[in-house]
Amino acid sequence: MSRVATNTDPSTDSVGRHKYKQKFSVTSLIFSGLVSAMVYIFALTGGSFKQLVIVQVVFALWVMCSITFSQGRVVFSIHGIFILLVLAVVLTSNLAVNFNNYAAVDQSFAFSVAHVVGILIFAFAAQWAANNLQIDRILKYISWMLMPLIILALVLGWADAEGNRAEPFGVHPNWWGEVTFGFILCSLAVRRVTAKIFFIAAGIGLMVMVQSRGALLGAVVSLIAYLAMQNKQFGPVAVKRLVKFGVMTLGGLFFIMVTGLWTTIQNIVESKILLLDDPYRGVGSGLTGRFDGWWNAVAIFIENPIFGQGFDTLADVHNGFLRWAGEGGILLLGVMLLLIATALVRSWRRRNDWAFVALLGIIAYMMTYPRALNMNLVGMLFFFTLFPWRGALIRSGNVYFPRLRDCYIGKMKNEN
């Protein structure tokens, strides 16, 4: 009779993999607090750009000081450094080549330079955090920190909207949609199922209230991908279970169509959520003139296919990919598409479910999103997905499982 061996080593799991227990990191908590502070300051000041810049500068200085005065040597992956260098070269060369275009389109060149510097600092901070901090805890901290603001925005929006598009604290609804989208992505890393469901439900409710259709689309894509991959193994088994999930989804859609519920749901989605029949924001209005912006970006790309017109010159184009094409030409668009594709493959292979589903949602959101590279919550989460992490989120408890196959510069520093 064959005998099944049992694992008795308390330092390993049931299949012999070594457990990794995270230590509490004050640095990760401060990182989360400063990112969350950017959201609070902008909301509570009614959209004050000056106050937001102050917090962004404080965040950048804190990152530099944390790296400079860190105990031990800070870890950076060669892959991550290469991504930073590529972004820096592409963005700075774009500014240099298109210097004369900024005056023609009435866009401040100095502002665009400052914006590029800020974006590179944010990318640098994300790369540092990916290798030295606890990304899963940063995501959870941010979701808990932002929850009071989301609830308050729901209450204010419910009281003031009166059937119209809500604007909590007098801030533009699309900003709230962007923040709520980032909040939902962070909530996917929350360990407690009840809290996760509550956070996501509150976020979806606020998105509907402010009528942020692009953010809602991105959130739905991420949630569907998350449900399809949750508690599933990668490899051949994952493919089979994803196929099973797809079959079940198609079966549900077939049931809805047979029972006649499809028409009712379609009317609610088209009229109440997507507002496709709305005279001011529907298809008849070109989605509030966005069709014109998309065609304008395509025309500029055709006219300037290599370097585009200049970074930050098409701020009104509500499509991140078309904006990259029009502003940065094939260089910026090609580099970003390559980084996104590489990140998707890497996160799939390394079992980083959060990065995979978050990036899918961000891709969907970018279809209607004018700020694909920015110094805000979604911008930071986007950079989190692009850089390789020191570890990956494991669904059993959402903790790091170290994967140190990258070549690193320096030694691993101790967590605070």
Protein backbone atom coordinates (compact mmCIF):
# COMPACT_ATOMS: atom_id res chain seq x y z
CA MET A 1 0.00 0.00 0.00
CA SER A 2 1.37 3.42 -0.94
CA ARG A 3 1.74 5.95 1.76
CA VAL A 4 1.03 9.66 1.45
CA ALA A 5 3.61 11.85 3.13
CA THR A 6 2.35 14.70 5.28
CA ASN A 7 4.14 17.96 5.79
CA THR A 8 4.98 18.57 9.46
CA ASP A 9 7.24 21.59 9.05
CA PRO A 10 5.43 24.57 10.64
CA SER A 11 7.43 26.99 8.49
CA THR A 12 5.91 25.66 5.27
CA ASP A 13 2.42 25.25 3.89
CA SER A 14 0.65 22.01 2.97
CA VAL A 15 2.64 21.58 -0.24
CA GLY A 16 6.00 22.45 1.24
CA ARG A 17 6.29 26.07 0.14
CA HIS A 18 7.92 28.32 2.70
CA LYS A 19 5.60 30.71 4.42
CA TYR A 20 6.42 34.39 4.45
CA LYS A 21 5.00 36.53 7.21
CA GLN A 22 5.12 40.24 6.60
CA LYS A 23 6.36 42.60 9.25
CA PHE A 24 4.52 45.83 9.86
CA SER A 25 6.05 48.60 7.77
CA VAL A 26 5.70 52.18 8.93
CA THR A 27 7.06 53.31 5.56
CA SER A 28 4.25 51.51 3.72
CA LEU A 29 1.71 53.19 6.01
CA ILE A 30 3.16 56.67 5.40
CA PHE A 31 3.30 56.02 1.65
CA SER A 32 -0.41 55.12 1.71
CA GLY A 33 -1.25 58.12 3.87
CA LEU A 34 0.42 60.61 1.55
CA VAL A 35 -1.24 59.15 -1.56
CA SER A 36 -4.60 59.27 0.24
CA ALA A 37 -3.88 62.84 1.40
CA MET A 38 -3.71 63.95 -2.24
CA VAL A 39 -7.28 62.75 -2.69
CA TYR A 40 -8.56 64.34 0.52
CA ILE A 41 -6.88 67.70 -0.09
CA PHE A 42 -8.26 68.04 -3.61
CA ALA A 43 -11.76 67.04 -2.53
CA LEU A 44 -12.02 69.06 0.68
CA THR A 45 -10.60 72.22 -0.93
CA GLY A 46 -13.13 72.07 -3.75
CA GLY A 47 -10.55 71.09 -6.33
CA SER A 48 -7.65 73.39 -5.37
CA PHE A 49 -4.76 72.60 -7.69
CA LYS A 50 -2.26 74.62 -5.61
CA GLN A 51 -3.01 72.66 -2.44
CA LEU A 52 -2.70 69.39 -4.38
CA VAL A 53 0.72 70.40 -5.71
CA ILE A 54 1.92 71.06 -2.15
CA VAL A 55 0.99 67.52 -1.09
CA GLN A 56 2.59 66.09 -4.22
CA VAL A 57 5.83 67.94 -3.46
CA VAL A 58 5.75 66.69 0.14
CA PHE A 59 5.26 63.15 -1.15
CA ALA A 60 8.20 63.46 -3.56
CA LEU A 61 10.49 64.90 -0.85
CA TRP A 62 9.47 62.17 1.59
CA VAL A 63 10.29 59.45 -0.95
CA MET A 64 13.71 60.94 -1.60
CA CYS A 65 14.43 61.30 2.12
CA SER A 66 13.24 57.75 2.84
CA ILE A 67 15.60 56.38 0.20
CA THR A 68 18.52 58.60 1.23
CA PHE A 69 18.31 57.89 4.96
CA SER A 70 17.15 54.29 4.69
CA GLN A 71 18.91 51.71 6.82
CA GLY A 72 20.72 49.30 4.56
CA ARG A 73 20.88 49.44 0.79
CA VAL A 74 17.74 50.11 -1.22
CA VAL A 75 16.66 47.50 -3.76
CA PHE A 76 15.92 48.29 -7.39
CA SER A 77 15.42 45.76 -10.17
CA ILE A 78 17.29 46.23 -13.41
CA HIS A 79 14.00 45.72 -15.26
CA GLY A 80 12.41 48.54 -13.29
CA ILE A 81 15.33 50.88 -13.85
CA PHE A 82 15.19 50.14 -17.57
CA ILE A 83 11.48 51.07 -17.65
CA LEU A 84 12.24 54.35 -15.86
CA LEU A 85 15.01 55.20 -18.30
CA VAL A 86 12.84 54.43 -21.31
CA LEU A 87 10.01 56.62 -19.98
CA ALA A 88 12.44 59.43 -19.21
CA VAL A 89 14.06 59.32 -22.66
CA VAL A 90 10.76 59.16 -24.54
CA LEU A 91 9.05 61.95 -22.56
CA THR A 92 12.01 64.35 -22.44
CA SER A 93 12.83 63.86 -26.12
CA ASN A 94 9.18 64.52 -26.93
CA LEU A 95 9.34 67.84 -25.07
CA ALA A 96 12.55 68.83 -26.83
CA VAL A 97 11.38 67.96 -30.33
CA ASN A 98 8.00 69.66 -29.93
CA PHE A 99 9.24 72.79 -28.11
CA ASN A 100 7.88 75.15 -30.79
CA ASN A 101 4.44 73.53 -30.83
CA TYR A 102 3.44 74.60 -27.32
CA ALA A 103 3.05 78.29 -28.11
CA ALA A 104 0.98 77.43 -31.19
CA VAL A 105 -1.58 75.45 -29.14
CA ASP A 106 -1.51 77.90 -26.19
CA GLN A 107 -0.05 75.34 -23.78
CA SER A 108 2.57 76.26 -21.18
CA PHE A 109 5.85 74.50 -21.95
CA ALA A 110 7.06 75.06 -18.37
CA PHE A 111 3.93 73.36 -17.02
CA SER A 112 4.46 70.36 -19.31
CA VAL A 113 8.11 70.09 -18.20
CA ALA A 114 7.05 70.18 -14.54
CA HIS A 115 4.35 67.61 -15.29
CA VAL A 116 6.84 65.23 -16.93
CA VAL A 117 9.24 65.61 -13.99
CA GLY A 118 6.40 64.86 -11.58
CA ILE A 119 5.32 61.80 -13.56
CA LEU A 120 8.87 60.44 -13.56
CA ILE A 121 9.12 61.01 -9.80
CA PHE A 122 5.83 59.14 -9.31
CA ALA A 123 7.12 56.31 -11.50
CA PHE A 124 10.35 56.25 -9.49
CA ALA A 125 8.34 56.11 -6.24
CA ALA A 126 6.26 53.22 -7.59
CA GLN A 127 9.42 51.34 -8.62
CA TRP A 128 10.93 51.90 -5.18
CA ALA A 129 7.75 50.76 -3.44
CA ALA A 130 7.46 47.68 -5.66
CA ASN A 131 10.83 46.42 -4.46
CA ASN A 132 11.14 47.73 -0.91
CA LEU A 133 7.64 48.16 0.53
CA GLN A 134 4.55 46.01 0.94
CA ILE A 135 2.34 46.79 -2.05
CA ASP A 136 -0.57 44.65 -0.90
CA ARG A 137 -0.67 46.52 2.41
CA ILE A 138 -0.35 49.88 0.68
CA LEU A 139 -3.44 49.00 -1.37
CA LYS A 140 -5.37 47.90 1.73
CA TYR A 141 -4.32 50.98 3.71
CA ILE A 142 -5.43 53.29 0.91
CA SER A 143 -8.83 51.60 0.63
CA TRP A 144 -9.46 51.93 4.38
CA MET A 145 -8.21 55.52 4.45
CA LEU A 146 -10.41 56.59 1.53
CA MET A 147 -13.54 54.79 2.71
CA PRO A 148 -14.76 57.70 4.96
CA LEU A 149 -14.43 60.13 2.05
CA ILE A 150 -16.33 57.80 -0.29
CA ILE A 151 -19.17 57.46 2.23
CA LEU A 152 -19.28 61.22 2.82
CA ALA A 153 -19.35 61.85 -0.93
CA LEU A 154 -22.25 59.40 -1.26
CA VAL A 155 -24.20 61.22 1.44
CA LEU A 156 -23.53 64.68 -0.01
CA GLY A 157 -24.19 63.50 -3.54
CA TRP A 158 -27.49 61.92 -2.54
CA ALA A 159 -28.60 65.11 -0.80
CA ASP A 160 -27.58 67.53 -3.54
CA ALA A 161 -28.07 65.62 -6.80
CA GLU A 162 -31.90 65.60 -6.90
CA GLY A 163 -31.85 63.40 -9.99
CA ASN A 164 -29.03 65.34 -11.66
CA ARG A 165 -25.36 64.53 -11.88
CA ALA A 166 -23.88 64.71 -8.37
CA GLU A 167 -20.85 66.91 -7.63
CA PRO A 168 -19.79 66.25 -4.00
CA PHE A 169 -17.80 69.16 -2.50
CA GLY A 170 -18.27 71.00 -5.81
CA VAL A 171 -15.60 68.86 -7.52
CA HIS A 172 -16.14 67.66 -11.10
CA PRO A 173 -17.99 64.30 -11.31
CA ASN A 174 -15.35 62.78 -13.58
CA TRP A 175 -12.72 63.37 -10.89
CA TRP A 176 -14.88 61.46 -8.45
CA GLY A 177 -15.25 58.65 -10.97
CA GLU A 178 -11.47 58.46 -11.35
CA VAL A 179 -10.87 58.41 -7.58
CA THR A 180 -13.59 55.83 -7.02
CA PHE A 181 -12.15 53.61 -9.74
CA GLY A 182 -8.79 53.69 -7.96
CA PHE A 183 -10.54 53.05 -4.64
CA ILE A 184 -12.23 49.94 -6.03
CA LEU A 185 -8.92 48.63 -7.40
CA CYS A 186 -7.35 49.09 -3.95
CA SER A 187 -10.35 47.38 -2.33
CA LEU A 188 -9.61 44.20 -4.28
CA ALA A 189 -6.59 43.72 -2.00
CA VAL A 190 -8.69 43.92 1.19
CA ARG A 191 -8.59 40.56 2.96
CA ARG A 192 -11.98 40.64 4.69
CA VAL A 193 -14.65 39.57 2.21
CA THR A 194 -17.46 41.55 3.85
CA ALA A 195 -15.38 44.73 3.90
CA LYS A 196 -14.33 44.17 0.31
CA ILE A 197 -17.92 43.74 -0.86
CA PHE A 198 -19.04 46.82 1.09
CA PHE A 199 -16.21 48.97 -0.30
CA ILE A 200 -16.89 47.89 -3.89
CA ALA A 201 -20.65 48.42 -3.51
CA ALA A 202 -20.09 51.92 -2.13
CA GLY A 203 -17.71 52.69 -4.99
CA ILE A 204 -20.12 51.49 -7.65
CA GLY A 205 -22.90 53.50 -6.02
CA LEU A 206 -20.83 56.68 -6.14
CA MET A 207 -19.87 56.05 -9.77
CA VAL A 208 -23.54 55.74 -10.74
CA MET A 209 -24.40 58.85 -8.73
CA VAL A 210 -21.76 61.01 -10.44
CA GLN A 211 -22.51 59.32 -13.78
CA SER A 212 -18.89 58.47 -14.53
CA ARG A 213 -19.35 55.97 -17.34
CA GLY A 214 -15.70 55.39 -18.21
CA ALA A 215 -14.75 54.68 -14.61
CA LEU A 216 -17.70 52.33 -14.27
CA LEU A 217 -16.61 50.47 -17.39
CA GLY A 218 -13.09 50.04 -16.03
CA ALA A 219 -14.37 48.88 -12.65
CA VAL A 220 -16.72 46.31 -14.20
CA VAL A 221 -13.90 44.89 -16.35
CA SER A 222 -11.62 44.54 -13.32
CA LEU A 223 -14.36 42.98 -11.19
CA ILE A 224 -15.30 40.44 -13.87
CA ALA A 225 -11.63 39.50 -14.31
CA TYR A 226 -11.22 39.26 -10.54
CA LEU A 227 -14.22 36.96 -10.17
CA ALA A 228 -12.95 34.80 -13.02
CA MET A 229 -9.51 34.38 -11.45
CA GLN A 230 -10.27 34.39 -7.73
CA ASN A 231 -9.04 31.31 -5.91
CA LYS A 232 -7.94 29.73 -9.16
CA GLN A 233 -4.59 28.19 -9.98
CA PHE A 234 -2.62 29.34 -13.00
CA GLY A 235 -1.57 27.15 -15.88
CA PRO A 236 -3.78 24.60 -17.73
CA VAL A 237 -6.22 24.44 -14.81
CA ALA A 238 -6.77 28.20 -15.05
CA VAL A 239 -7.65 27.94 -18.72
CA LYS A 240 -10.22 25.20 -18.02
CA ARG A 241 -11.82 27.16 -15.21
CA LEU A 242 -11.87 30.36 -17.22
CA VAL A 243 -13.61 28.46 -20.01
CA LYS A 244 -16.09 27.13 -17.45
CA PHE A 245 -16.67 30.65 -16.17
CA GLY A 246 -17.25 31.83 -19.74
CA VAL A 247 -19.75 29.04 -20.42
CA MET A 248 -21.65 29.87 -17.23
CA THR A 249 -21.70 33.55 -18.19
CA LEU A 250 -23.05 32.75 -21.65
CA GLY A 251 -25.65 30.48 -20.06
CA GLY A 252 -26.76 33.31 -17.79
CA LEU A 253 -27.03 35.68 -20.74
CA PHE A 254 -29.07 33.10 -22.64
CA PHE A 255 -31.45 32.77 -19.68
CA ILE A 256 -31.86 36.54 -19.50
CA MET A 257 -32.67 36.75 -23.20
CA VAL A 258 -35.14 33.83 -23.12
CA THR A 259 -37.03 35.21 -20.10
CA GLY A 260 -37.35 38.66 -21.67
CA LEU A 261 -35.23 40.40 -19.02
CA TRP A 262 -32.71 41.51 -21.62
CA THR A 263 -34.85 44.40 -22.90
CA THR A 264 -35.47 45.72 -19.40
CA ILE A 265 -31.80 45.52 -18.44
CA GLN A 266 -30.76 47.04 -21.75
CA ASN A 267 -33.06 50.03 -21.25
CA ILE A 268 -31.76 50.62 -17.73
CA VAL A 269 -28.13 50.39 -18.80
CA GLU A 270 -28.54 52.55 -21.90
CA SER A 271 -30.80 55.23 -20.41
CA LYS A 272 -29.96 55.36 -16.69
CA ILE A 273 -26.29 54.34 -16.54
CA LEU A 274 -24.62 54.93 -19.92
CA LEU A 275 -26.99 57.81 -20.79
CA LEU A 276 -26.78 56.98 -24.49
CA ASP A 277 -30.09 58.75 -25.18
CA ASP A 278 -29.21 61.85 -23.15
CA PRO A 279 -29.41 64.95 -25.41
CA TYR A 280 -26.33 66.49 -23.77
CA ARG A 281 -24.14 63.45 -23.04
CA GLY A 282 -25.48 60.71 -25.30
CA VAL A 283 -24.49 59.40 -28.71
CA GLY A 284 -26.33 62.24 -30.44
CA SER A 285 -23.98 64.75 -28.78
CA GLY A 286 -20.93 62.78 -29.88
CA LEU A 287 -20.54 61.70 -26.23
CA THR A 288 -20.22 65.36 -25.23
CA GLY A 289 -18.01 66.13 -28.22
CA ARG A 290 -15.54 63.32 -27.54
CA PHE A 291 -15.89 61.87 -31.02
CA ASP A 292 -14.46 65.14 -32.39
CA GLY A 293 -11.54 64.93 -29.98
CA TRP A 294 -10.78 61.36 -30.98
CA TRP A 295 -10.73 62.23 -34.69
CA ASN A 296 -8.58 65.27 -33.97
CA ALA A 297 -6.02 63.07 -32.17
CA VAL A 298 -5.98 60.65 -35.12
CA ALA A 299 -5.45 63.52 -37.56
CA ILE A 300 -2.56 64.92 -35.50
CA PHE A 301 -0.99 61.46 -35.28
CA ILE A 302 -1.16 61.07 -39.07
CA GLU A 303 0.42 64.50 -39.48
CA ASN A 304 3.15 63.85 -36.85
CA PRO A 305 3.52 60.05 -36.69
CA ILE A 306 6.95 59.87 -34.99
CA PHE A 307 6.94 62.41 -32.13
CA GLY A 308 3.36 63.68 -32.17
CA GLN A 309 2.37 67.22 -31.34
CA GLY A 310 3.82 67.40 -27.82
CA PHE A 311 3.05 65.96 -24.41
CA ASP A 312 0.10 67.63 -22.63
CA THR A 313 -1.18 69.38 -25.76
CA LEU A 314 -4.33 67.25 -26.14
CA ALA A 315 -5.72 67.41 -22.61
CA ASP A 316 -9.32 67.38 -23.88
CA VAL A 317 -9.00 64.06 -25.75
CA HIS A 318 -10.86 61.50 -23.64
CA ASN A 319 -8.93 58.44 -24.79
CA GLY A 320 -5.54 57.66 -23.31
CA PHE A 321 -4.29 55.64 -26.26
CA LEU A 322 -5.32 58.23 -28.85
CA ARG A 323 -3.84 60.94 -26.67
CA TRP A 324 -0.51 59.06 -26.51
CA ALA A 325 -0.62 58.75 -30.31
CA GLY A 326 -1.44 62.41 -30.92
CA GLU A 327 0.90 63.84 -28.29
CA GLY A 328 3.82 61.41 -28.53
CA GLY A 329 3.50 59.68 -31.88
CA ILE A 330 4.49 56.09 -32.44
CA LEU A 331 7.39 56.40 -29.97
CA LEU A 332 5.26 57.15 -26.92
CA LEU A 333 2.33 54.98 -28.01
CA GLY A 334 4.58 52.06 -28.93
CA VAL A 335 6.57 52.20 -25.71
CA MET A 336 3.45 52.36 -23.54
CA LEU A 337 1.75 49.51 -25.41
CA LEU A 338 4.91 47.41 -25.03
CA LEU A 339 5.11 48.16 -21.29
CA ILE A 340 1.43 47.27 -20.84
CA ALA A 341 1.74 44.00 -22.78
CA THR A 342 4.89 43.05 -20.85
CA ALA A 343 3.21 43.84 -17.53
CA LEU A 344 0.17 41.71 -18.40
CA VAL A 345 2.34 38.71 -19.29
CA ARG A 346 4.56 39.15 -16.24
CA SER A 347 1.67 39.50 -13.78
CA TRP A 348 -0.02 36.42 -15.25
CA ARG A 349 3.14 34.30 -15.01
CA ARG A 350 4.00 35.50 -11.51
CA ARG A 351 0.50 34.99 -10.12
CA ASN A 352 0.05 38.67 -9.36
CA ASP A 353 -3.71 38.64 -9.74
CA TRP A 354 -4.19 42.19 -8.53
CA ALA A 355 -1.81 43.69 -11.09
CA PHE A 356 -3.40 41.64 -13.87
CA VAL A 357 -7.03 42.55 -13.18
CA ALA A 358 -6.16 46.16 -12.29
CA LEU A 359 -4.31 46.64 -15.57
CA LEU A 360 -7.22 45.16 -17.54
CA GLY A 361 -9.55 47.67 -15.88
CA ILE A 362 -7.15 50.55 -16.48
CA ILE A 363 -6.93 49.61 -20.17
CA ALA A 364 -10.74 49.72 -20.41
CA TYR A 365 -10.86 53.00 -18.50
CA MET A 366 -8.26 54.57 -20.80
CA MET A 367 -10.70 54.22 -23.68
CA THR A 368 -12.54 57.24 -22.20
CA TYR A 369 -9.84 58.57 -19.85
CA PRO A 370 -7.96 61.78 -20.71
CA ARG A 371 -5.14 61.44 -18.16
CA ALA A 372 -3.34 58.17 -18.86
CA LEU A 373 -0.08 59.35 -17.22
CA ASN A 374 -0.66 61.49 -14.17
CA MET A 375 0.32 62.27 -10.59
CA ASN A 376 -2.71 60.91 -8.80
CA LEU A 377 -4.12 57.71 -7.30
CA VAL A 378 -4.90 55.96 -10.58
CA GLY A 379 -1.57 57.11 -11.99
CA MET A 380 0.25 55.50 -9.06
CA LEU A 381 -1.75 52.27 -9.40
CA PHE A 382 -0.97 52.21 -13.12
CA PHE A 383 2.75 52.42 -12.34
CA PHE A 384 2.33 49.66 -9.73
CA THR A 385 1.10 47.38 -12.51
CA LEU A 386 3.95 48.26 -14.90
CA PHE A 387 6.87 47.53 -12.58
CA PRO A 388 7.95 44.06 -11.43
CA TRP A 389 7.31 43.46 -7.74
CA ARG A 390 9.60 41.83 -5.25
CA GLY A 391 6.73 39.49 -4.46
CA ALA A 392 3.27 38.72 -5.79
CA LEU A 393 -0.14 38.65 -4.15
CA ILE A 394 -1.15 35.11 -3.18
CA ARG A 395 -4.88 34.68 -2.91
CA SER A 396 -4.60 32.65 0.30
CA GLY A 397 -4.50 35.54 2.72
CA ASN A 398 -3.30 38.10 0.17
CA VAL A 399 0.32 38.04 1.40
CA TYR A 400 3.64 38.18 -0.38
CA PHE A 401 5.21 35.04 -1.73
CA PRO A 402 8.80 36.09 -2.50
CA ARG A 403 9.98 35.50 -6.07
CA LEU A 404 13.55 36.75 -6.32
CA ARG A 405 14.37 35.78 -9.90
CA ASP A 406 15.14 39.33 -10.98
CA CYS A 407 18.70 40.61 -10.90
CA TYR A 408 18.91 43.26 -8.19
CA ILE A 409 21.27 46.11 -7.51
CA GLY A 410 22.25 46.11 -3.83
CA LYS A 411 21.04 43.96 -0.97
CA MET A 412 17.51 43.55 0.26
CA LYS A 413 16.87 46.12 2.94
CA ASN A 414 15.09 45.15 6.13
CA GLU A 415 11.49 46.20 6.46
CA ASN A 416 10.81 48.86 9.06
